[in-house]
Amino acid sequence: MKTVQIRLDSIDKVKSFVNIITKYDTDFDLISGRYVIDAKSIMGIFSLDLSRPIDLAIHNDGCDEILDVLKPFII
């Protein structure tokens, strides 16, 4: 598992992020404070405080390709 901080501070960024990660057969969690949601759930993402950075947990050991694709969102 790998954890990185991301920022999703606009509706377009959220839609783009979800479209990218749904292409992978890997589990992704977004962690904000005490809340943990499925990162592939667009409704779940909008329930978080998007004004602050969010931790993205990638449940895959070989996630270098995923990290390259997600560079625009990583802080």
Protein backbone atom coordinates (compact mmCIF):
# COMPACT_ATOMS: atom_id res chain seq x y z
CA MET A 1 0.00 0.00 0.00
CA LYS A 2 1.20 3.51 -0.87
CA THR A 3 -0.22 6.78 0.49
CA VAL A 4 0.15 10.21 -1.14
CA GLN A 5 -1.49 13.58 -0.56
CA ILE A 6 -3.66 14.96 -3.33
CA ARG A 7 -5.72 18.09 -3.91
CA LEU A 8 -9.14 17.98 -5.59
CA ASP A 9 -10.21 21.61 -5.38
CA SER A 10 -12.59 21.84 -8.34
CA ILE A 11 -15.44 19.85 -9.85
CA ASP A 12 -13.44 19.27 -13.04
CA LYS A 13 -10.51 17.87 -11.06
CA VAL A 14 -12.82 15.48 -9.19
CA LYS A 15 -14.40 14.21 -12.43
CA SER A 16 -11.02 13.80 -14.10
CA PHE A 17 -9.58 12.00 -11.04
CA VAL A 18 -12.49 9.53 -10.86
CA ASN A 19 -12.32 8.86 -14.61
CA ILE A 20 -8.62 8.04 -14.33
CA ILE A 21 -8.73 5.72 -11.32
CA THR A 22 -11.81 3.77 -12.44
CA LYS A 23 -9.65 2.39 -15.28
CA TYR A 24 -7.54 0.48 -12.74
CA ASP A 25 -8.56 -2.77 -11.04
CA THR A 26 -7.09 -1.60 -7.74
CA ASP A 27 -8.69 -0.37 -4.53
CA PHE A 28 -8.25 3.33 -3.74
CA ASP A 29 -9.30 5.04 -0.49
CA LEU A 30 -9.48 8.73 0.29
CA ILE A 31 -8.76 9.63 3.90
CA SER A 32 -9.74 13.00 5.33
CA GLY A 33 -9.58 13.24 9.11
CA ARG A 34 -11.59 10.34 10.47
CA TYR A 35 -13.44 9.69 7.22
CA VAL A 36 -12.38 6.97 4.77
CA ILE A 37 -14.26 6.66 1.49
CA ASP A 38 -13.90 4.73 -1.74
CA ALA A 39 -12.00 7.03 -4.13
CA LYS A 40 -14.01 5.72 -7.09
CA SER A 41 -17.21 7.16 -5.58
CA ILE A 42 -17.80 10.64 -6.93
CA MET A 43 -20.59 11.24 -4.41
CA GLY A 44 -18.31 10.14 -1.58
CA ILE A 45 -15.60 12.56 -2.70
CA PHE A 46 -18.03 15.48 -2.63
CA SER A 47 -18.88 14.62 0.99
CA LEU A 48 -15.28 15.46 2.00
CA ASP A 49 -13.77 18.86 2.76
CA LEU A 50 -12.11 19.53 -0.61
CA SER A 51 -10.47 22.77 0.52
CA ARG A 52 -7.80 20.74 2.34
CA PRO A 53 -5.35 18.11 1.03
CA ILE A 54 -6.65 14.54 1.11
CA ASP A 55 -4.65 11.34 1.63
CA LEU A 56 -4.98 8.82 -1.20
CA ALA A 57 -4.24 5.21 -0.21
CA ILE A 58 -3.43 2.95 -3.17
CA HIS A 59 -3.81 -0.73 -2.29
CA ASN A 60 -1.32 -2.03 -4.87
CA ASP A 61 2.41 -2.61 -4.47
CA GLY A 62 3.31 -1.91 -8.10
CA CYS A 63 1.72 1.53 -8.33
CA ASP A 64 4.43 3.49 -10.18
CA GLU A 65 2.31 3.74 -13.35
CA ILE A 66 -0.68 4.93 -11.34
CA LEU A 67 1.41 7.59 -9.60
CA ASP A 68 2.69 8.87 -12.94
CA VAL A 69 -0.86 9.29 -14.25
CA LEU A 70 -2.00 11.01 -11.02
CA LYS A 71 0.89 13.56 -10.94
CA PRO A 72 -1.41 16.55 -11.67
CA PHE A 73 -3.32 15.84 -8.42
CA ILE A 74 -0.40 14.97 -6.12
CA ILE A 75 0.90 17.71 -3.85
